[in-house]
Amino acid sequence: MVVGELTQETELLVIGGGPGGYVAALVAADHGIQTALVERAEVPGGVCLREGCIPSKALLHVAKIIDEAAHAEDFGVSFSKPETDVTKLRNWKNGVIRKLSGGVKQLLAGRKVDYITGDAEFEDSRSVRIEGGEVSRIKFKHCIIATGSRAKMLPESVLPRELCWDAADALKVQEIPARLLVVGGGYIGLELGQVYAALGSEVTVLEALPNILAGADPDLAKPLIAKLRKQMKAIITGAVLKGAKKKGSAIAVTYAIDGSEKTEEFDRILVSVGRRPNSDDLGLENTQVRVDDRGFIQVDPQRRTTDKRIFAIGDVACEPMLAHKAMREAKVAVEAIAGKPTVFDPACIPAVVYTDPEVAWCGVTEAEATAKGLDFKVTKFPWAASGRAVSMGRTDGLTKMLFDNKTQRLIGVGIVGAHAGDLISEGVLAMEMAAVAEDIGVAIHPHPATSETLAEAAEAMFGHAVHAAH
């Protein structure tokens, strides 16, 4: 790229430098495709790396250390009460982000991907205008839109923006509020709520639905909810936020529950009520790309939009809004552009809630299997019977599997417990390989390890899990 050049041409333009976008750029470069990546931030990584997945997991790691130190007394080891240096904690978290984003930028440079800072807006189906960058226009043969999503906020009439945090604000760790209200009982709200509870905040969760973590299997959510109720001041379900206003240095929040209204005071409010795709302000009306009524760009199995030269991946394309889904879509889209036979058709996409205990699942849940009228069998193995779990003092776990009754093929896996997010990968691979119960049961698992619970749950399909009580 020549500095100051008004118009640049490239074979592939990737808009957005998050997990989907930068992976698409790297894979395209590996295929020998000339690639340019436009990202509004100076460093790649997107929301996931800068203000989402990575910083939240860094802080959850700290929260877990604090919790484990508190419970070490049960094993005969005592520590003094932890003290939090907020500045040092924030600097360490930011250092993690810098290291990873810097690494991604080096990978892009090493592949000779042009990294262009600015905002892209389509002029037509073959070019975009760049605002805020050294290049003012880019012409392309193909384009991949990977602009991600942003946090939904409540209407200003209900909750003025200046009175609340979104997840990105909370992850800045500018302060540890004495009283924190988390509006929304989904995985993001619960992860951040657990972080701040560990750091010393008195946390209250407010959820409009009858239960928190509504998308998860109740069997898996139960151990997590039990722990959260001990860590937090209150978890209030079936409650609707009605309004909030400043009251001195605090915020008075009014919510409706059971037909009446209640008002409580908090120091900070964290809003976590979902995310919306970043498909607006892209100039898509100047192309043939279609967007549905929820803001998702319509794509086919190769992630091609209704404009044949333009593809879309990640949060902006469809649910689930997960980084690992976007990464896989990136590879499919690039392979399609390279003319290779490809399609996005995973057997399952794993979901993980990175609280402590972690909750992870893939395939269908028991409720989904029942709703679909499937003929299936559920097997469970409680971690109280796992030698590894007992030795760690983590018997709060459970491994659950769903098998097709006729073929014994695995159709769903759910795990709650320490490092469930790591263990679920075995379930994902088993489903991709169309494994049956016997495949998993006869595979020798290391002992003692919590991964044994997967083999035991598989053997339970035949009624003879060795360590399960009869």
Protein backbone atom coordinates (compact mmCIF):
# COMPACT_ATOMS: atom_id res chain seq x y z
CA MET A 1 0.00 0.00 0.00
CA VAL A 2 1.23 3.46 -0.88
CA VAL A 3 0.64 5.98 1.92
CA GLY A 4 -1.81 8.66 0.88
CA GLU A 5 -3.16 6.64 -2.03
CA LEU A 6 -6.83 7.51 -2.58
CA THR A 7 -7.98 4.26 -4.14
CA GLN A 8 -6.67 0.75 -3.52
CA GLU A 9 -7.62 -2.47 -5.25
CA THR A 10 -7.59 -5.91 -3.70
CA GLU A 11 -8.83 -9.40 -4.47
CA LEU A 12 -10.45 -9.80 -1.07
CA LEU A 13 -11.59 -7.12 1.35
CA VAL A 14 -12.41 -8.17 4.90
CA ILE A 15 -14.41 -5.65 6.94
CA GLY A 16 -13.90 -6.18 10.66
CA GLY A 17 -10.88 -7.45 12.55
CA GLY A 18 -12.52 -9.69 15.16
CA PRO A 19 -12.14 -13.49 15.42
CA GLY A 20 -14.04 -14.02 12.18
CA GLY A 21 -12.42 -11.20 10.25
CA TYR A 22 -8.78 -11.71 11.12
CA VAL A 23 -9.04 -15.48 10.68
CA ALA A 24 -10.61 -14.93 7.25
CA ALA A 25 -7.75 -12.62 6.31
CA LEU A 26 -5.09 -15.08 7.49
CA VAL A 27 -6.69 -18.06 5.76
CA ALA A 28 -7.13 -16.07 2.54
CA ALA A 29 -3.48 -15.07 2.58
CA ASP A 30 -2.55 -18.72 3.04
CA HIS A 31 -4.60 -19.47 -0.09
CA GLY A 32 -2.56 -16.91 -2.00
CA ILE A 33 -5.40 -14.38 -2.17
CA GLN A 34 -4.40 -10.72 -2.02
CA THR A 35 -6.18 -9.45 1.08
CA ALA A 36 -6.90 -6.17 2.82
CA LEU A 37 -8.47 -5.91 6.27
CA VAL A 38 -10.35 -2.78 7.38
CA GLU A 39 -10.82 -2.32 11.13
CA ARG A 40 -11.75 0.82 13.03
CA ALA A 41 -9.41 0.02 15.92
CA GLU A 42 -5.64 0.38 15.77
CA VAL A 43 -5.22 -3.25 16.78
CA PRO A 44 -7.11 -6.35 15.59
CA GLY A 45 -9.07 -8.74 17.76
CA GLY A 46 -12.49 -7.12 17.79
CA VAL A 47 -14.82 -6.97 20.76
CA CYS A 48 -13.91 -10.55 21.71
CA LEU A 49 -10.25 -9.82 22.31
CA ARG A 50 -10.38 -6.18 23.40
CA GLU A 51 -13.53 -5.95 25.48
CA GLY A 52 -15.21 -9.33 25.63
CA CYS A 53 -14.08 -12.95 25.65
CA ILE A 54 -10.44 -12.50 26.60
CA PRO A 55 -10.59 -9.80 29.32
CA SER A 56 -13.63 -11.41 30.91
CA LYS A 57 -11.81 -14.76 31.12
CA ALA A 58 -8.76 -13.06 32.59
CA LEU A 59 -10.92 -11.53 35.32
CA LEU A 60 -12.82 -14.78 35.86
CA HIS A 61 -9.46 -16.47 36.43
CA VAL A 62 -8.73 -13.94 39.18
CA ALA A 63 -12.18 -14.49 40.67
CA LYS A 64 -11.58 -18.24 40.70
CA ILE A 65 -8.25 -17.80 42.53
CA ILE A 66 -10.00 -15.70 45.19
CA ASP A 67 -12.74 -18.31 45.58
CA GLU A 68 -10.30 -21.22 45.75
CA ALA A 69 -8.21 -19.43 48.35
CA ALA A 70 -11.31 -18.96 50.49
CA HIS A 71 -12.22 -22.64 50.25
CA ALA A 72 -8.67 -23.89 50.84
CA GLU A 73 -9.44 -23.67 54.54
CA ASP A 74 -11.56 -26.80 54.08
CA PHE A 75 -8.33 -28.62 53.18
CA GLY A 76 -6.41 -27.20 56.15
CA VAL A 77 -4.74 -24.32 54.35
CA SER A 78 -5.57 -20.77 55.36
CA PHE A 79 -4.82 -17.48 53.61
CA SER A 80 -5.35 -13.95 54.81
CA LYS A 81 -8.25 -12.02 53.26
CA PRO A 82 -7.25 -10.95 49.73
CA GLU A 83 -6.68 -7.30 48.93
CA THR A 84 -7.33 -6.03 45.42
CA ASP A 85 -5.08 -3.48 43.78
CA VAL A 86 -7.50 -2.31 41.11
CA THR A 87 -4.86 -0.46 39.13
CA LYS A 88 -2.51 -3.43 39.04
CA LEU A 89 -5.37 -5.78 38.18
CA ARG A 90 -6.49 -3.52 35.34
CA ASN A 91 -2.93 -3.19 34.01
CA TRP A 92 -2.47 -6.96 34.06
CA LYS A 93 -5.74 -7.48 32.18
CA ASN A 94 -4.78 -4.84 29.63
CA GLY A 95 -1.40 -6.51 29.23
CA VAL A 96 -3.10 -9.76 28.28
CA ILE A 97 -5.08 -7.89 25.62
CA ARG A 98 -1.99 -6.11 24.27
CA LYS A 99 -0.03 -9.34 24.02
CA LEU A 100 -2.72 -11.19 22.11
CA SER A 101 -3.76 -8.32 19.83
CA GLY A 102 -0.11 -7.59 19.09
CA GLY A 103 0.36 -11.24 18.19
CA VAL A 104 -2.56 -11.13 15.76
CA LYS A 105 -1.20 -7.99 14.13
CA GLN A 106 2.16 -9.69 13.66
CA LEU A 107 0.44 -12.68 12.04
CA LEU A 108 -1.35 -10.36 9.62
CA ALA A 109 1.84 -8.53 8.78
CA GLY A 110 3.68 -11.81 8.30
CA ARG A 111 1.05 -12.91 5.79
CA LYS A 112 1.31 -9.50 4.04
CA VAL A 113 -2.31 -8.62 4.76
CA ASP A 114 -2.90 -4.86 4.39
CA TYR A 115 -4.25 -3.61 7.72
CA ILE A 116 -6.24 -0.44 7.13
CA THR A 117 -7.66 1.58 10.00
CA GLY A 118 -11.01 3.23 9.40
CA ASP A 119 -14.76 2.71 8.91
CA ALA A 120 -15.96 1.08 5.71
CA GLU A 121 -19.20 1.94 3.91
CA PHE A 122 -20.29 0.29 0.66
CA GLU A 123 -20.56 2.55 -2.37
CA ASP A 124 -21.74 -0.39 -4.49
CA SER A 125 -21.15 -4.14 -4.81
CA ARG A 126 -17.51 -3.65 -5.83
CA SER A 127 -16.19 -0.82 -3.68
CA VAL A 128 -16.26 0.76 -0.23
CA ARG A 129 -15.43 4.21 1.05
CA ILE A 130 -13.11 4.40 4.06
CA GLU A 131 -13.59 7.10 6.67
CA GLY A 132 -10.79 7.99 9.05
CA GLY A 133 -8.01 6.15 7.27
CA GLU A 134 -5.14 6.82 4.86
CA VAL A 135 -7.02 5.06 2.05
CA SER A 136 -10.28 6.69 1.00
CA ARG A 137 -11.66 3.96 -1.26
CA ILE A 138 -11.08 0.25 -1.83
CA LYS A 139 -12.21 -1.71 -4.88
CA PHE A 140 -12.52 -5.46 -4.41
CA LYS A 141 -13.35 -8.66 -6.27
CA HIS A 142 -14.83 -10.27 -3.16
CA CYS A 143 -15.68 -9.00 0.29
CA ILE A 144 -16.29 -10.67 3.66
CA ILE A 145 -18.33 -8.68 6.17
CA ALA A 146 -17.30 -9.54 9.73
CA THR A 147 -18.44 -6.48 11.66
CA GLY A 148 -19.66 -8.36 14.73
CA SER A 149 -22.23 -7.11 17.19
CA ARG A 150 -22.75 -4.63 20.01
CA ALA A 151 -24.50 -4.71 23.35
CA LYS A 152 -28.21 -3.98 23.44
CA MET A 153 -29.17 -1.18 25.79
CA LEU A 154 -32.48 -0.42 27.42
CA PRO A 155 -34.54 2.56 26.24
CA GLU A 156 -33.34 5.91 27.55
CA SER A 157 -36.79 6.45 29.07
CA VAL A 158 -36.23 3.39 31.26
CA LEU A 159 -32.51 3.59 31.95
CA PRO A 160 -30.46 6.61 30.80
CA ARG A 161 -27.14 5.55 29.27
CA GLU A 162 -25.09 7.70 31.66
CA LEU A 163 -26.44 5.69 34.60
CA CYS A 164 -25.31 2.28 33.44
CA TRP A 165 -22.46 0.12 32.20
CA ASP A 166 -22.43 -2.29 29.31
CA ALA A 167 -20.08 -5.28 29.38
CA ALA A 168 -17.22 -3.27 27.85
CA ASP A 169 -17.54 -0.65 30.59
CA ALA A 170 -17.54 -3.30 33.31
CA LEU A 171 -14.42 -4.93 31.86
CA LYS A 172 -12.48 -1.68 32.18
CA VAL A 173 -12.43 -2.29 35.95
CA GLN A 174 -12.30 1.42 36.76
CA GLU A 175 -13.80 0.76 40.18
CA ILE A 176 -15.34 -1.93 42.35
CA PRO A 177 -18.80 -0.62 43.28
CA ALA A 178 -20.12 -1.45 46.73
CA ARG A 179 -23.56 -2.31 45.33
CA LEU A 180 -23.84 -3.59 41.76
CA LEU A 181 -27.08 -4.38 39.95
CA VAL A 182 -26.79 -6.73 36.98
CA VAL A 183 -29.77 -6.42 34.64
CA GLY A 184 -29.97 -9.68 32.71
CA GLY A 185 -29.30 -13.22 33.91
CA GLY A 186 -27.65 -14.58 30.77
CA TYR A 187 -24.10 -15.86 30.56
CA ILE A 188 -22.41 -12.45 30.17
CA GLY A 189 -24.25 -10.92 33.11
CA LEU A 190 -23.54 -13.92 35.32
CA GLU A 191 -19.85 -14.08 34.38
CA LEU A 192 -19.31 -10.39 35.17
CA GLY A 193 -21.53 -10.56 38.22
CA GLN A 194 -19.40 -13.38 39.60
CA VAL A 195 -16.23 -11.40 38.90
CA TYR A 196 -17.42 -8.36 40.80
CA ALA A 197 -18.82 -10.47 43.63
CA ALA A 198 -15.37 -12.03 44.07
CA LEU A 199 -13.74 -8.59 43.99
CA GLY A 200 -15.98 -7.41 46.82
CA SER A 201 -19.16 -5.97 45.29
CA GLU A 202 -22.56 -6.78 46.72
CA VAL A 203 -24.22 -8.10 43.55
CA THR A 204 -27.91 -8.34 42.72
CA VAL A 205 -29.12 -9.95 39.48
CA LEU A 206 -32.43 -8.84 37.96
CA GLU A 207 -33.92 -11.12 35.28
CA ALA A 208 -37.28 -10.72 33.50
CA LEU A 209 -37.61 -14.43 32.70
CA PRO A 210 -38.64 -17.04 35.32
CA ASN A 211 -35.08 -18.39 35.48
CA ILE A 212 -31.54 -17.18 34.95
CA LEU A 213 -29.41 -18.87 32.30
CA ALA A 214 -32.62 -19.71 30.47
CA GLY A 215 -30.97 -21.39 27.47
CA ALA A 216 -29.11 -23.99 29.51
CA ASP A 217 -30.32 -27.41 30.61
CA PRO A 218 -31.80 -27.06 34.15
CA ASP A 219 -29.73 -30.04 35.33
CA LEU A 220 -26.57 -28.17 34.36
CA ALA A 221 -27.69 -24.76 35.59
CA LYS A 222 -28.68 -26.03 39.04
CA PRO A 223 -25.16 -26.36 40.57
CA LEU A 224 -24.13 -22.96 39.18
CA ILE A 225 -27.25 -21.22 40.48
CA ALA A 226 -26.70 -22.76 43.90
CA LYS A 227 -23.20 -21.31 44.04
CA LEU A 228 -24.25 -17.90 42.70
CA ARG A 229 -26.91 -17.60 45.39
CA LYS A 230 -24.16 -17.96 47.98
CA GLN A 231 -21.88 -15.44 46.27
CA MET A 232 -24.45 -12.77 45.48
CA LYS A 233 -26.82 -10.72 47.59
CA ALA A 234 -29.86 -11.66 45.52
CA ILE A 235 -31.03 -13.22 42.26
CA ILE A 236 -34.44 -11.81 41.40
CA THR A 237 -36.33 -13.50 38.55
CA GLY A 238 -39.62 -12.58 36.91
CA ALA A 239 -38.79 -8.91 37.49
CA VAL A 240 -39.04 -6.09 34.97
CA LEU A 241 -36.97 -2.91 35.28
CA LYS A 242 -39.30 0.10 35.24
CA GLY A 243 -36.90 2.98 35.67
CA ALA A 244 -33.82 4.44 37.34
CA LYS A 245 -32.73 7.89 38.46
CA LYS A 246 -29.89 9.51 40.32
CA LYS A 247 -30.34 9.83 44.07
CA GLY A 248 -27.34 11.60 45.52
CA SER A 249 -24.29 9.50 44.74
CA ALA A 250 -26.46 6.39 44.27
CA ILE A 251 -28.96 5.23 41.65
CA ALA A 252 -32.54 4.46 42.68
CA VAL A 253 -33.89 1.55 40.64
CA THR A 254 -37.55 0.63 40.41
CA TYR A 255 -38.66 -2.79 39.19
CA ALA A 256 -41.96 -4.65 39.00
CA ILE A 257 -42.40 -8.13 40.45
CA ASP A 258 -45.47 -10.13 41.40
CA GLY A 259 -47.78 -7.26 40.52
CA SER A 260 -46.07 -4.67 42.70
CA GLU A 261 -43.20 -2.23 42.34
CA LYS A 262 -40.08 -2.07 44.48
CA THR A 263 -37.28 0.48 44.63
CA GLU A 264 -33.70 -0.22 45.70
CA GLU A 265 -30.49 1.79 45.57
CA PHE A 266 -27.28 0.75 43.85
CA ASP A 267 -23.94 2.34 43.08
CA ARG A 268 -23.64 0.95 39.55
CA ILE A 269 -25.89 -0.82 37.04
CA LEU A 270 -24.56 -3.32 34.50
CA VAL A 271 -26.92 -3.96 31.58
CA SER A 272 -26.51 -7.34 29.92
CA VAL A 273 -29.64 -8.05 27.88
CA GLY A 274 -28.18 -9.43 24.69
CA ARG A 275 -26.40 -8.18 21.59
CA ARG A 276 -27.40 -6.87 18.17
CA PRO A 277 -25.60 -7.32 14.82
CA ASN A 278 -23.58 -4.43 13.40
CA SER A 279 -25.24 -4.42 10.00
CA ASP A 280 -26.39 -0.81 10.03
CA ASP A 281 -24.25 2.11 8.83
CA LEU A 282 -22.47 -0.16 6.32
CA GLY A 283 -24.18 1.21 3.23
CA LEU A 284 -25.69 -2.20 2.47
CA GLU A 285 -28.58 -0.44 0.75
CA ASN A 286 -26.08 0.31 -2.03
CA THR A 287 -25.61 -3.41 -2.64
CA GLN A 288 -27.86 -6.42 -3.22
CA VAL A 289 -27.25 -7.67 0.33
CA ARG A 290 -30.43 -8.41 2.28
CA VAL A 291 -30.85 -7.93 6.02
CA ASP A 292 -33.63 -9.56 8.05
CA ASP A 293 -35.87 -7.80 10.55
CA ARG A 294 -33.46 -8.57 13.40
CA GLY A 295 -30.52 -7.00 11.61
CA PHE A 296 -28.79 -10.23 10.55
CA ILE A 297 -27.34 -10.39 7.05
CA GLN A 298 -28.90 -13.26 5.11
CA VAL A 299 -26.37 -15.87 4.00
CA ASP A 300 -26.32 -19.29 2.34
CA PRO A 301 -24.42 -22.38 3.60
CA GLN A 302 -21.20 -21.01 2.08
CA ARG A 303 -21.82 -17.69 3.90
CA ARG A 304 -22.47 -15.91 0.59
CA THR A 305 -25.01 -13.10 0.82
CA THR A 306 -27.68 -12.31 -1.77
CA ASP A 307 -24.96 -10.24 -3.47
CA LYS A 308 -22.81 -12.99 -4.98
CA ARG A 309 -19.44 -11.25 -4.43
CA ILE A 310 -20.12 -10.40 -0.79
CA PHE A 311 -20.00 -12.85 2.12
CA ALA A 312 -20.89 -12.38 5.80
CA ILE A 313 -19.70 -14.30 8.86
CA GLY A 314 -19.89 -14.20 12.63
CA ASP A 315 -22.32 -12.24 14.77
CA VAL A 316 -23.46 -10.05 11.89
CA ALA A 317 -24.62 -13.09 9.89
CA CYS A 318 -26.59 -15.28 12.26
CA GLU A 319 -26.80 -16.83 15.68
CA PRO A 320 -25.24 -18.25 17.74
CA MET A 321 -23.05 -15.20 18.38
CA LEU A 322 -19.90 -17.09 19.27
CA ALA A 323 -16.29 -16.43 18.29
CA HIS A 324 -15.49 -20.05 17.49
CA LYS A 325 -18.49 -20.23 15.16
CA ALA A 326 -17.21 -17.11 13.37
CA MET A 327 -13.74 -18.64 12.97
CA ARG A 328 -15.13 -21.73 11.29
CA GLU A 329 -17.37 -19.62 9.05
CA ALA A 330 -14.31 -17.58 8.05
CA LYS A 331 -12.61 -20.69 6.68
CA VAL A 332 -15.74 -21.75 4.80
CA ALA A 333 -16.20 -18.33 3.20
CA VAL A 334 -12.56 -18.15 2.08
CA GLU A 335 -12.68 -21.69 0.69
CA ALA A 336 -15.80 -20.75 -1.29
CA ILE A 337 -14.05 -17.66 -2.68
CA ALA A 338 -11.06 -19.85 -3.61
CA GLY A 339 -13.41 -22.10 -5.58
CA LYS A 340 -13.18 -25.09 -3.28
CA PRO A 341 -16.18 -27.32 -2.46
CA THR A 342 -17.19 -26.27 1.06
CA VAL A 343 -20.19 -25.72 3.28
CA PHE A 344 -20.86 -24.64 6.86
CA ASP A 345 -22.59 -27.68 8.32
CA PRO A 346 -21.20 -28.47 11.79
CA ALA A 347 -22.71 -31.40 13.65
CA CYS A 348 -22.87 -29.05 16.63
CA ILE A 349 -21.53 -25.76 17.93
CA PRO A 350 -20.42 -25.84 21.57
CA ALA A 351 -21.60 -23.22 24.05
CA VAL A 352 -19.74 -22.43 27.28
CA VAL A 353 -20.62 -20.29 30.27
CA TYR A 354 -17.27 -19.46 31.89
CA THR A 355 -18.55 -19.01 35.40
CA ASP A 356 -17.33 -21.21 38.24
CA PRO A 357 -18.51 -23.93 37.90
CA GLU A 358 -18.42 -23.73 34.12
CA VAL A 359 -21.41 -24.90 32.10
CA ALA A 360 -20.90 -26.32 28.61
CA TRP A 361 -23.03 -28.15 26.09
CA CYS A 362 -23.25 -29.20 22.46
CA GLY A 363 -25.89 -30.87 20.32
CA VAL A 364 -29.47 -30.97 21.51
CA THR A 365 -30.55 -30.47 25.11
CA GLU A 366 -33.07 -32.76 26.74
CA ALA A 367 -35.79 -30.12 26.33
CA GLU A 368 -34.96 -29.67 22.64
CA ALA A 369 -34.91 -33.42 22.02
CA THR A 370 -38.31 -33.78 23.68
CA ALA A 371 -39.76 -30.87 21.71
CA LYS A 372 -38.53 -32.46 18.46
CA GLY A 373 -40.11 -35.79 19.37
CA LEU A 374 -36.82 -37.66 19.22
CA ASP A 375 -36.51 -41.21 20.53
CA PHE A 376 -33.61 -40.79 22.94
CA LYS A 377 -32.12 -41.88 26.22
CA VAL A 378 -30.52 -39.62 28.84
CA THR A 379 -27.51 -40.76 30.85
CA LYS A 380 -25.93 -38.89 33.74
CA PHE A 381 -22.78 -39.28 35.79
CA PRO A 382 -22.47 -37.18 38.97
CA TRP A 383 -19.03 -35.87 39.78
CA ALA A 384 -19.45 -36.99 43.38
CA ALA A 385 -18.43 -40.39 42.02
CA SER A 386 -15.33 -39.02 40.23
CA GLY A 387 -12.08 -39.59 42.08
CA ARG A 388 -10.51 -36.54 40.47
CA ALA A 389 -13.44 -34.30 41.36
CA VAL A 390 -13.44 -35.52 44.96
CA SER A 391 -9.69 -34.93 45.27
CA MET A 392 -10.17 -31.34 44.05
CA GLY A 393 -13.13 -30.70 46.31
CA ARG A 394 -15.25 -30.10 43.20
CA THR A 395 -18.05 -32.62 43.44
CA ASP A 396 -20.59 -30.03 42.26
CA GLY A 397 -20.27 -31.28 38.68
CA LEU A 398 -22.42 -33.41 36.41
CA THR A 399 -21.89 -34.97 33.00
CA LYS A 400 -25.01 -35.62 30.95
CA MET A 401 -25.39 -37.31 27.58
CA LEU A 402 -28.22 -37.91 25.13
CA PHE A 403 -28.18 -40.91 22.79
CA ASP A 404 -30.48 -41.97 19.98
CA ASN A 405 -32.28 -45.05 21.30
CA LYS A 406 -32.15 -47.00 18.05
CA THR A 407 -28.65 -46.23 16.79
CA GLN A 408 -27.00 -45.36 20.14
CA ARG A 409 -25.50 -42.36 18.33
CA LEU A 410 -24.56 -39.40 20.52
CA ILE A 411 -26.88 -36.43 19.93
CA GLY A 412 -26.12 -34.15 22.87
CA VAL A 413 -23.65 -33.54 25.70
CA GLY A 414 -23.88 -31.27 28.71
CA ILE A 415 -21.29 -30.73 31.44
CA VAL A 416 -21.25 -28.56 34.53
CA GLY A 417 -18.11 -28.46 36.63
CA ALA A 418 -14.53 -27.27 36.78
CA HIS A 419 -13.07 -26.80 33.27
CA ALA A 420 -16.28 -27.99 31.58
CA GLY A 421 -15.37 -25.71 28.67
CA ASP A 422 -12.28 -27.82 28.01
CA LEU A 423 -14.04 -31.14 28.48
CA ILE A 424 -16.86 -30.39 26.05
CA SER A 425 -14.48 -30.68 23.09
CA GLU A 426 -14.56 -34.47 23.42
CA GLY A 427 -18.31 -34.34 22.99
CA VAL A 428 -17.99 -32.06 19.95
CA LEU A 429 -15.48 -34.41 18.29
CA ALA A 430 -17.61 -37.44 19.12
CA MET A 431 -20.63 -35.84 17.46
CA GLU A 432 -18.64 -34.78 14.40
CA MET A 433 -17.39 -38.37 14.06
CA ALA A 434 -20.94 -39.75 14.54
CA ALA A 435 -19.75 -41.71 17.57
CA VAL A 436 -22.02 -44.16 19.31
CA ALA A 437 -22.09 -44.86 23.05
CA GLU A 438 -19.72 -47.82 22.77
CA ASP A 439 -17.09 -45.73 20.93
CA ILE A 440 -16.88 -43.34 23.85
CA GLY A 441 -17.18 -45.98 26.56
CA VAL A 442 -14.40 -48.26 25.27
CA ALA A 443 -11.99 -45.36 24.64
CA ILE A 444 -9.51 -45.48 27.52
CA HIS A 445 -9.65 -42.24 29.49
CA PRO A 446 -6.87 -41.20 31.88
CA HIS A 447 -7.38 -41.86 35.56
CA PRO A 448 -7.94 -39.94 37.70
CA ALA A 449 -9.46 -37.26 35.47
CA THR A 450 -12.82 -35.58 35.16
CA SER A 451 -12.84 -36.65 31.49
CA GLU A 452 -13.60 -40.14 32.80
CA THR A 453 -17.10 -38.91 33.53
CA LEU A 454 -17.74 -38.84 29.77
CA ALA A 455 -16.83 -42.51 29.44
CA GLU A 456 -18.93 -43.39 32.49
CA ALA A 457 -21.94 -41.51 31.14
CA ALA A 458 -21.54 -43.34 27.82
CA GLU A 459 -21.36 -46.72 29.55
CA ALA A 460 -24.53 -45.82 31.42
CA MET A 461 -26.30 -46.14 28.07
CA PHE A 462 -26.00 -49.90 28.64
CA GLY A 463 -26.78 -49.70 32.36
CA HIS A 464 -23.34 -50.60 33.65
CA ALA A 465 -21.33 -47.47 34.45
CA VAL A 466 -18.76 -48.94 36.85
CA HIS A 467 -18.66 -46.12 39.40
CA ALA A 468 -22.36 -45.19 39.32
CA ALA A 469 -24.61 -46.30 42.17
CA HIS A 470 -27.38 -48.74 41.23
